[in-house]
PDB file of all heavy atoms in Angstrom:
ATOM      1  N   PHE A   1       0.832  -1.204   0.000  1.00  0.00           N
ATOM      2  CA  PHE A   1       0.000   0.000   0.000  1.00  0.00           C
ATOM      3  C   PHE A   1       0.867   1.255   0.000  1.00  0.00           C
ATOM      4  O   PHE A   1       0.593   2.220  -0.725  1.00  0.00           O
ATOM      5  CB  PHE A   1      -0.935   0.013   1.207  1.00  0.00           C
ATOM      6  CG  PHE A   1      -2.200  -0.774   1.005  1.00  0.00           C
ATOM      7  CD1 PHE A   1      -2.397  -1.975   1.665  1.00  0.00           C
ATOM      8  CD2 PHE A   1      -3.197  -0.314   0.155  1.00  0.00           C
ATOM      9  CE1 PHE A   1      -3.571  -2.703   1.481  1.00  0.00           C
ATOM     10  CE2 PHE A   1      -4.374  -1.036  -0.036  1.00  0.00           C
ATOM     11  CZ  PHE A   1      -4.552  -2.240   0.625  1.00  0.00           C
ATOM     12  N   CYS A   2       1.916   1.246   0.833  1.00  0.00           N
ATOM     13  CA  CYS A   2       2.818   2.399   0.892  1.00  0.00           C
ATOM     14  C   CYS A   2       3.482   2.645  -0.461  1.00  0.00           C
ATOM     15  O   CYS A   2       3.585   3.793  -0.920  1.00  0.00           O
ATOM     16  CB  CYS A   2       3.885   2.182   1.967  1.00  0.00           C
ATOM     17  SG  CYS A   2       3.294   2.251   3.669  1.00  0.00           S
ATOM     18  N   GLU A   3       3.938   1.570  -1.092  1.00  0.00           N
ATOM     19  CA  GLU A   3       4.584   1.690  -2.404  1.00  0.00           C
ATOM     20  C   GLU A   3       3.626   2.237  -3.452  1.00  0.00           C
ATOM     21  O   GLU A   3       4.050   2.893  -4.409  1.00  0.00           O
ATOM     22  CB  GLU A   3       5.127   0.327  -2.839  1.00  0.00           C
ATOM     23  CG  GLU A   3       6.312  -0.149  -2.007  1.00  0.00           C
ATOM     24  CD  GLU A   3       6.646  -1.621  -2.244  1.00  0.00           C
ATOM     25  OE1 GLU A   3       5.914  -2.271  -3.036  1.00  0.00           O
ATOM     26  OE2 GLU A   3       7.621  -2.111  -1.657  1.00  0.00           O
ATOM     27  N   ALA A   4       2.330   1.966  -3.264  1.00  0.00           N
ATOM     28  CA  ALA A   4       1.315   2.434  -4.214  1.00  0.00           C
ATOM     29  C   ALA A   4       0.831   3.846  -3.878  1.00  0.00           C
ATOM     30  O   ALA A   4      -0.067   4.369  -4.542  1.00  0.00           O
ATOM     31  CB  ALA A   4       0.131   1.469  -4.236  1.00  0.00           C
ATOM     32  N   GLY A   5       1.421   4.456  -2.851  1.00  0.00           N
ATOM     33  CA  GLY A   5       1.049   5.819  -2.486  1.00  0.00           C
ATOM     34  C   GLY A   5      -0.189   5.935  -1.630  1.00  0.00           C
ATOM     35  O   GLY A   5      -0.764   7.017  -1.510  1.00  0.00           O
ATOM     36  N   VAL A   6      -0.614   4.820  -1.011  1.00  0.00           N
ATOM     37  CA  VAL A   6      -1.797   4.831  -0.148  1.00  0.00           C
ATOM     38  C   VAL A   6      -1.343   4.979   1.305  1.00  0.00           C
ATOM     39  O   VAL A   6      -0.599   4.131   1.806  1.00  0.00           O
ATOM     40  CB  VAL A   6      -2.614   3.534  -0.305  1.00  0.00           C
ATOM     41  CG1 VAL A   6      -3.841   3.564   0.599  1.00  0.00           C
ATOM     42  CG2 VAL A   6      -3.025   3.326  -1.755  1.00  0.00           C
ATOM     43  N   PRO A   7      -1.760   6.028   2.013  1.00  0.00           N
ATOM     44  CA  PRO A   7      -1.360   6.212   3.419  1.00  0.00           C
ATOM     45  C   PRO A   7      -1.831   5.042   4.289  1.00  0.00           C
ATOM     46  O   PRO A   7      -2.946   4.549   4.133  1.00  0.00           O
ATOM     47  CB  PRO A   7      -2.066   7.511   3.819  1.00  0.00           C
ATOM     48  CG  PRO A   7      -2.332   8.223   2.536  1.00  0.00           C
ATOM     49  CD  PRO A   7      -2.597   7.136   1.526  1.00  0.00           C
ATOM     50  N   VAL A   8      -0.966   4.621   5.202  1.00  0.00           N
ATOM     51  CA  VAL A   8      -1.262   3.495   6.093  1.00  0.00           C
ATOM     52  C   VAL A   8      -1.212   3.971   7.540  1.00  0.00           C
ATOM     53  O   VAL A   8      -0.239   4.596   7.957  1.00  0.00           O
ATOM     54  CB  VAL A   8      -0.249   2.343   5.882  1.00  0.00           C
ATOM     55  CG1 VAL A   8      -0.438   1.261   6.930  1.00  0.00           C
ATOM     56  CG2 VAL A   8      -0.385   1.759   4.481  1.00  0.00           C
ATOM     57  N   CYS A   9      -2.268   3.676   8.302  1.00  0.00           N
ATOM     58  CA  CYS A   9      -2.332   4.075   9.714  1.00  0.00           C
ATOM     59  C   CYS A   9      -2.814   2.897  10.560  1.00  0.00           C
ATOM     60  O   CYS A   9      -3.657   2.118  10.120  1.00  0.00           O
ATOM     61  CB  CYS A   9      -3.286   5.246   9.908  1.00  0.00           C
ATOM     62  SG  CYS A   9      -2.813   6.740   9.011  1.00  0.00           S
ATOM     63  N   THR A  10      -2.273   2.790  11.774  1.00  0.00           N
ATOM     64  CA  THR A  10      -2.699   1.745  12.719  1.00  0.00           C
ATOM     65  C   THR A  10      -3.141   2.396  14.024  1.00  0.00           C
ATOM     66  O   THR A  10      -2.473   3.303  14.532  1.00  0.00           O
ATOM     67  CB  THR A  10      -1.555   0.750  12.996  1.00  0.00           C
ATOM     68  OG1 THR A  10      -1.188   0.094  11.776  1.00  0.00           O
ATOM     69  CG2 THR A  10      -1.989  -0.308  14.002  1.00  0.00           C
ATOM     70  N   TYR A  11      -4.270   1.910  14.571  1.00  0.00           N
ATOM     71  CA  TYR A  11      -4.837   2.482  15.780  1.00  0.00           C
ATOM     72  C   TYR A  11      -5.185   1.382  16.782  1.00  0.00           C
ATOM     73  O   TYR A  11      -5.389   0.218  16.401  1.00  0.00           O
ATOM     74  CB  TYR A  11      -6.121   3.265  15.463  1.00  0.00           C
ATOM     75  CG  TYR A  11      -5.943   4.379  14.475  1.00  0.00           C
ATOM     76  CD1 TYR A  11      -6.214   4.174  13.121  1.00  0.00           C
ATOM     77  CD2 TYR A  11      -5.515   5.638  14.887  1.00  0.00           C
ATOM     78  CE1 TYR A  11      -6.052   5.212  12.198  1.00  0.00           C
ATOM     79  CE2 TYR A  11      -5.353   6.672  13.976  1.00  0.00           C
ATOM     80  CZ  TYR A  11      -5.631   6.451  12.634  1.00  0.00           C
ATOM     81  OH  TYR A  11      -5.471   7.469  11.738  1.00  0.00           O
ATOM     82  N   LEU A  12      -5.289   1.761  18.056  1.00  0.00           N
ATOM     83  CA  LEU A  12      -5.867   0.881  19.064  1.00  0.00           C
ATOM     84  C   LEU A  12      -7.384   0.930  18.928  1.00  0.00           C
ATOM     85  O   LEU A  12      -7.952   1.972  18.614  1.00  0.00           O
ATOM     86  CB  LEU A  12      -5.464   1.321  20.470  1.00  0.00           C
ATOM     87  CG  LEU A  12      -3.991   1.165  20.859  1.00  0.00           C
ATOM     88  CD1 LEU A  12      -3.772   1.700  22.266  1.00  0.00           C
ATOM     89  CD2 LEU A  12      -3.560  -0.284  20.776  1.00  0.00           C
ATOM     90  N   SER A  13      -8.043  -0.192  19.191  1.00  0.00           N
ATOM     91  CA  SER A  13      -9.493  -0.256  18.985  1.00  0.00           C
ATOM     92  C   SER A  13     -10.293   0.359  20.125  1.00  0.00           C
ATOM     93  O   SER A  13     -11.461   0.694  19.957  1.00  0.00           O
ATOM     94  CB  SER A  13      -9.931  -1.716  18.823  1.00  0.00           C
ATOM     95  OG  SER A  13      -9.828  -2.410  20.057  1.00  0.00           O
ATOM     96  N   ASN A  14      -9.636   0.493  21.323  1.00  0.00           N
ATOM     97  CA  ASN A  14     -10.356   0.981  22.511  1.00  0.00           C
ATOM     98  C   ASN A  14     -11.651   0.198  22.734  1.00  0.00           C
ATOM     99  O   ASN A  14     -12.700   0.767  23.028  1.00  0.00           O
ATOM    100  CB  ASN A  14     -10.649   2.481  22.373  1.00  0.00           C
ATOM    101  CG  ASN A  14      -9.377   3.313  22.427  1.00  0.00           C
ATOM    102  OD1 ASN A  14      -8.476   3.012  23.182  1.00  0.00           O
ATOM    103  ND2 ASN A  14      -9.300   4.331  21.594  1.00  0.00           N
ATOM    104  N   ARG A  15     -11.572  -1.121  22.535  1.00  0.00           N
ATOM    105  CA  ARG A  15     -12.668  -2.068  22.785  1.00  0.00           C
ATOM    106  C   ARG A  15     -13.782  -2.010  21.732  1.00  0.00           C
ATOM    107  O   ARG A  15     -14.784  -2.699  21.863  1.00  0.00           O
ATOM    108  CB  ARG A  15     -13.276  -1.880  24.178  1.00  0.00           C
ATOM    109  CG  ARG A  15     -12.266  -2.011  25.312  1.00  0.00           C
ATOM    110  CD  ARG A  15     -12.966  -2.239  26.639  1.00  0.00           C
ATOM    111  NE  ARG A  15     -12.023  -2.237  27.748  1.00  0.00           N
ATOM    112  CZ  ARG A  15     -12.252  -2.784  28.932  1.00  0.00           C
ATOM    113  NH1 ARG A  15     -13.407  -3.387  29.162  1.00  0.00           N
ATOM    114  NH2 ARG A  15     -11.357  -2.736  29.893  1.00  0.00           N
ATOM    115  N   LEU A  16     -13.630  -1.193  20.708  1.00  0.00           N
ATOM    116  CA  LEU A  16     -14.637  -1.168  19.642  1.00  0.00           C
ATOM    117  C   LEU A  16     -14.570  -2.432  18.791  1.00  0.00           C
ATOM    118  O   LEU A  16     -15.555  -2.850  18.184  1.00  0.00           O
ATOM    119  CB  LEU A  16     -14.436   0.062  18.754  1.00  0.00           C
ATOM    120  CG  LEU A  16     -14.696   1.421  19.423  1.00  0.00           C
ATOM    121  CD1 LEU A  16     -14.341   2.552  18.479  1.00  0.00           C
ATOM    122  CD2 LEU A  16     -16.156   1.525  19.855  1.00  0.00           C
ATOM    123  N   VAL A  17     -13.381  -3.043  18.746  1.00  0.00           N
ATOM    124  CA  VAL A  17     -13.173  -4.307  18.037  1.00  0.00           C
ATOM    125  C   VAL A  17     -12.467  -5.256  18.993  1.00  0.00           C
ATOM    126  O   VAL A  17     -11.532  -4.862  19.680  1.00  0.00           O
ATOM    127  CB  VAL A  17     -12.305  -4.108  16.774  1.00  0.00           C
ATOM    128  CG1 VAL A  17     -12.122  -5.432  16.027  1.00  0.00           C
ATOM    129  CG2 VAL A  17     -12.902  -3.051  15.854  1.00  0.00           C
ATOM    130  N   SER A  18     -12.926  -6.490  19.078  1.00  0.00           N
ATOM    131  CA  SER A  18     -12.282  -7.458  19.967  1.00  0.00           C
ATOM    132  C   SER A  18     -12.069  -8.777  19.240  1.00  0.00           C
ATOM    133  O   SER A  18     -12.713  -9.053  18.226  1.00  0.00           O
ATOM    134  CB  SER A  18     -13.128  -7.682  21.228  1.00  0.00           C
ATOM    135  OG  SER A  18     -14.377  -8.246  20.895  1.00  0.00           O
ATOM    136  N   PHE A  19     -11.145  -9.567  19.768  1.00  0.00           N
ATOM    137  CA  PHE A  19     -10.904 -10.894  19.190  1.00  0.00           C
ATOM    138  C   PHE A  19     -10.357 -11.831  20.261  1.00  0.00           C
ATOM    139  O   PHE A  19      -9.927 -11.391  21.319  1.00  0.00           O
ATOM    140  CB  PHE A  19      -9.975 -10.830  17.995  1.00  0.00           C
ATOM    141  CG  PHE A  19      -8.536 -10.452  18.284  1.00  0.00           C
ATOM    142  CD1 PHE A  19      -7.579 -10.569  17.291  1.00  0.00           C
ATOM    143  CD2 PHE A  19      -8.125  -9.974  19.518  1.00  0.00           C
ATOM    144  CE1 PHE A  19      -6.251 -10.240  17.527  1.00  0.00           C
ATOM    145  CE2 PHE A  19      -6.798  -9.636  19.761  1.00  0.00           C
ATOM    146  CZ  PHE A  19      -5.871  -9.764  18.757  1.00  0.00           C
ATOM    147  N   ARG A  20     -10.422 -13.110  19.966  1.00  0.00           N
ATOM    148  CA  ARG A  20      -9.778 -14.125  20.787  1.00  0.00           C
ATOM    149  C   ARG A  20      -8.729 -14.788  19.908  1.00  0.00           C
ATOM    150  O   ARG A  20      -9.054 -15.395  18.886  1.00  0.00           O
ATOM    151  CB  ARG A  20     -10.787 -15.154  21.288  1.00  0.00           C
ATOM    152  CG  ARG A  20     -10.184 -16.146  22.279  1.00  0.00           C
ATOM    153  CD  ARG A  20     -11.207 -17.158  22.762  1.00  0.00           C
ATOM    154  NE  ARG A  20     -10.594 -18.123  23.662  1.00  0.00           N
ATOM    155  CZ  ARG A  20     -11.168 -19.258  24.050  1.00  0.00           C
ATOM    156  NH1 ARG A  20     -12.412 -19.538  23.630  1.00  0.00           N
ATOM    157  NH2 ARG A  20     -10.540 -20.092  24.864  1.00  0.00           N
ATOM    158  N   MET A  21      -7.480 -14.678  20.282  1.00  0.00           N
ATOM    159  CA  MET A  21      -6.400 -15.044  19.374  1.00  0.00           C
ATOM    160  C   MET A  21      -6.160 -16.546  19.251  1.00  0.00           C
ATOM    161  O   MET A  21      -6.091 -17.082  18.159  1.00  0.00           O
ATOM    162  CB  MET A  21      -5.097 -14.358  19.797  1.00  0.00           C
ATOM    163  CG  MET A  21      -5.104 -12.857  19.619  1.00  0.00           C
ATOM    164  SD  MET A  21      -3.552 -12.080  20.132  1.00  0.00           S
ATOM    165  CE  MET A  21      -2.434 -12.612  18.833  1.00  0.00           C
ATOM    166  N   TYR A  22      -5.988 -17.230  20.370  1.00  0.00           N
ATOM    167  CA  TYR A  22      -5.555 -18.630  20.317  1.00  0.00           C
ATOM    168  C   TYR A  22      -6.410 -19.514  21.234  1.00  0.00           C
ATOM    169  O   TYR A  22      -5.977 -19.907  22.319  1.00  0.00           O
ATOM    170  CB  TYR A  22      -4.085 -18.733  20.709  1.00  0.00           C
ATOM    171  CG  TYR A  22      -3.181 -17.959  19.769  1.00  0.00           C
ATOM    172  CD1 TYR A  22      -2.581 -16.774  20.170  1.00  0.00           C
ATOM    173  CD2 TYR A  22      -2.956 -18.403  18.470  1.00  0.00           C
ATOM    174  CE1 TYR A  22      -1.767 -16.055  19.314  1.00  0.00           C
ATOM    175  CE2 TYR A  22      -2.145 -17.689  17.606  1.00  0.00           C
ATOM    176  CZ  TYR A  22      -1.558 -16.525  18.028  1.00  0.00           C
ATOM    177  OH  TYR A  22      -0.762 -15.812  17.163  1.00  0.00           O
ATOM    178  N   PRO A  23      -7.611 -19.874  20.793  1.00  0.00           N
ATOM    179  CA  PRO A  23      -8.482 -20.718  21.610  1.00  0.00           C
ATOM    180  C   PRO A  23      -8.143 -22.206  21.529  1.00  0.00           C
ATOM    181  O   PRO A  23      -8.738 -23.011  22.236  1.00  0.00           O
ATOM    182  CB  PRO A  23      -9.870 -20.454  21.020  1.00  0.00           C
ATOM    183  CG  PRO A  23      -9.597 -20.157  19.579  1.00  0.00           C
ATOM    184  CD  PRO A  23      -8.293 -19.415  19.559  1.00  0.00           C
ATOM    185  N   ASN A  24      -7.180 -22.570  20.662  1.00  0.00           N
ATOM    186  CA  ASN A  24      -6.909 -23.990  20.403  1.00  0.00           C
ATOM    187  C   ASN A  24      -5.708 -24.556  21.150  1.00  0.00           C
ATOM    188  O   ASN A  24      -5.170 -25.584  20.774  1.00  0.00           O
ATOM    189  CB  ASN A  24      -6.717 -24.213  18.899  1.00  0.00           C
ATOM    190  CG  ASN A  24      -7.971 -23.883  18.115  1.00  0.00           C
ATOM    191  OD1 ASN A  24      -9.080 -24.190  18.553  1.00  0.00           O
ATOM    192  ND2 ASN A  24      -7.810 -23.244  16.968  1.00  0.00           N
ATOM    193  N   GLY A  25      -5.277 -23.880  22.200  1.00  0.00           N
ATOM    194  CA  GLY A  25      -4.207 -24.451  23.018  1.00  0.00           C
ATOM    195  C   GLY A  25      -2.928 -23.633  22.993  1.00  0.00           C
ATOM    196  O   GLY A  25      -2.698 -22.799  22.116  1.00  0.00           O
TER     197      GLY A  25
END
């Protein structure tokens, strides 16, 4: 994306998005 000239940003979700990463052990 950066190479294509598209700005890239990363944010904390502040609980608006949640996930469970490794439920399989």
